[in-house]
């Protein structure tokens, strides 16, 4: 894996192996990848706590790894998993971290900076 682009971390997209639903995105370093392979459960590196964490270690909603794929650039993982526990993956209690739709009128802060509001009645 090429982790040089993100300071020794690679994004790990987690997907339900049976429904193909995207569940979450975490980051892995060499140690969390090795731990994931050793235990068979998705383990990530927390950028905020600066340590490894196994998804569901406190909630019981662990993610059992079924398959792992590497993208064509060798810098992103796809982790296909079986949900354990009640199946909720998001820390909010939702089944997936991608439960909110981005409304067309809702701009991200980067988009607002890149496209400042223009006056529509300029002549």
Protein backbone atom coordinates (compact mmCIF):
# COMPACT_ATOMS: atom_id res chain seq x y z
CA UNK A 1 0.00 0.00 0.00
CA UNK A 2 1.22 3.51 -0.85
CA UNK A 3 0.56 5.60 2.25
CA UNK A 4 2.95 8.38 1.30
CA UNK A 5 0.18 10.70 0.07
CA UNK A 6 -1.56 10.98 3.46
CA UNK A 7 1.27 10.86 5.99
CA UNK A 8 1.36 7.08 6.28
CA UNK A 9 -2.43 6.67 6.27
CA UNK A 10 -4.71 5.24 3.61
CA UNK A 11 -8.48 5.77 3.36
CA UNK A 12 -10.45 2.60 4.01
CA UNK A 13 -13.96 2.61 2.54
CA UNK A 14 -16.09 0.13 4.44
CA UNK A 15 -18.91 -1.57 2.55
CA UNK A 16 -21.51 -4.14 3.57
CA UNK A 17 -20.39 -7.32 1.79
CA UNK A 18 -23.98 -8.46 1.19
CA UNK A 19 -25.97 -5.30 0.41
CA UNK A 20 -23.04 -3.27 -1.07
CA UNK A 21 -24.11 -0.30 1.07
CA UNK A 22 -21.22 2.06 1.89
CA UNK A 23 -21.01 2.17 5.68
CA UNK A 24 -18.15 4.48 6.64
CA UNK A 25 -14.70 5.76 5.74
CA UNK A 26 -11.83 5.38 8.16
CA UNK A 27 -8.07 5.53 7.90
CA UNK A 28 -5.58 2.72 8.25
CA UNK A 29 -1.86 2.69 8.81
CA UNK A 30 0.42 -0.36 8.52
CA UNK A 31 -0.29 -1.38 12.11
CA UNK A 32 -4.10 -1.16 11.86
CA UNK A 33 -4.03 -3.03 8.55
CA UNK A 34 -1.93 -5.79 10.15
CA UNK A 35 -4.32 -5.93 13.13
CA UNK A 36 -7.33 -6.11 10.80
CA UNK A 37 -5.74 -9.01 8.94
CA UNK A 38 -4.71 -10.76 12.17
CA UNK A 39 -8.09 -10.50 13.94
CA UNK A 40 -10.48 -10.49 10.98
CA UNK A 41 -12.21 -7.37 12.37
CA UNK A 42 -11.96 -3.85 10.92
CA UNK A 43 -9.41 -1.85 12.90
CA UNK A 44 -8.60 1.76 12.07
CA UNK A 45 -6.19 4.48 13.11
CA UNK A 46 -7.83 7.40 14.92
CA UNK A 47 -6.32 10.68 13.72
CA UNK A 48 -7.82 12.56 16.68
CA UNK A 49 -6.76 10.12 19.41
CA UNK A 50 -3.58 9.03 17.62
CA UNK A 51 -4.18 5.34 18.32
CA UNK A 52 -5.70 2.18 16.89
CA UNK A 53 -9.37 1.38 17.44
CA UNK A 54 -11.41 -1.63 16.46
CA UNK A 55 -14.78 -0.57 15.11
CA UNK A 56 -17.45 -1.66 17.60
CA UNK A 57 -15.06 -2.44 20.45
CA UNK A 58 -17.32 -0.60 22.91
CA UNK A 59 -20.74 -0.82 21.19
CA UNK A 60 -20.46 -4.45 20.10
CA UNK A 61 -21.26 -3.44 16.53
CA UNK A 62 -18.06 -4.91 15.14
CA UNK A 63 -17.30 -5.31 11.46
CA UNK A 64 -16.11 -8.77 10.46
CA UNK A 65 -13.94 -8.58 7.34
CA UNK A 66 -15.14 -10.71 4.43
CA UNK A 67 -12.83 -9.32 1.71
CA UNK A 68 -10.34 -6.51 1.18
CA UNK A 69 -9.55 -4.82 -2.14
CA UNK A 70 -6.89 -2.30 -3.13
CA UNK A 71 -7.58 0.41 -5.70
CA UNK A 72 -5.61 0.87 -8.93
CA UNK A 73 -3.34 3.53 -7.40
CA UNK A 74 -2.53 1.29 -4.42
CA UNK A 75 -3.55 4.06 -2.00
CA UNK A 76 -7.13 3.25 -0.92
CA UNK A 77 -8.71 0.15 0.56
CA UNK A 78 -12.20 -1.23 0.11
CA UNK A 79 -13.09 -3.32 3.16
CA UNK A 80 -16.12 -5.55 2.63
CA UNK A 81 -17.63 -6.53 5.96
CA UNK A 82 -20.37 -8.42 7.74
CA UNK A 83 -22.10 -6.26 10.37
CA UNK A 84 -22.28 -7.74 13.86
CA UNK A 85 -24.33 -6.56 16.85
CA UNK A 86 -27.35 -4.46 15.94
CA UNK A 87 -25.76 -3.53 12.61
CA UNK A 88 -25.54 0.20 13.26
CA UNK A 89 -22.17 1.51 12.13
CA UNK A 90 -22.36 5.28 12.68
CA UNK A 91 -21.58 6.75 16.09
CA UNK A 92 -24.94 8.58 15.82
CA UNK A 93 -26.78 5.26 15.92
CA UNK A 94 -27.54 5.19 12.20
CA UNK A 95 -26.85 2.06 10.15
CA UNK A 96 -24.40 3.96 7.91
CA UNK A 97 -22.41 7.16 8.28
CA UNK A 98 -23.83 8.27 4.91
CA UNK A 99 -27.43 8.85 5.97
CA UNK A 100 -27.59 12.57 5.08
CA UNK A 101 -28.13 13.87 1.55
CA UNK A 102 -26.18 16.92 0.45
CA UNK A 103 -28.80 19.43 -0.71
CA UNK A 104 -28.06 21.26 -3.95
CA UNK A 105 -28.21 24.62 -2.15
CA UNK A 106 -25.87 23.44 0.62
CA UNK A 107 -22.27 24.38 -0.16
CA UNK A 108 -19.21 23.14 1.67
CA UNK A 109 -16.84 25.76 3.09
CA UNK A 110 -14.34 24.96 0.30
CA UNK A 111 -17.04 25.49 -2.33
CA UNK A 112 -18.02 28.83 -0.77
CA UNK A 113 -14.39 30.00 -0.89
CA UNK A 114 -13.93 28.82 -4.48
CA UNK A 115 -17.20 30.39 -5.71
CA UNK A 116 -17.98 33.58 -3.81
CA UNK A 117 -21.55 34.78 -4.21
CA UNK A 118 -21.92 36.94 -7.29
CA UNK A 119 -24.49 39.68 -7.57
CA UNK A 120 -27.14 38.64 -10.05
CA UNK A 121 -28.19 42.16 -11.03
CA UNK A 122 -24.78 43.40 -12.20
CA UNK A 123 -24.86 45.20 -15.54
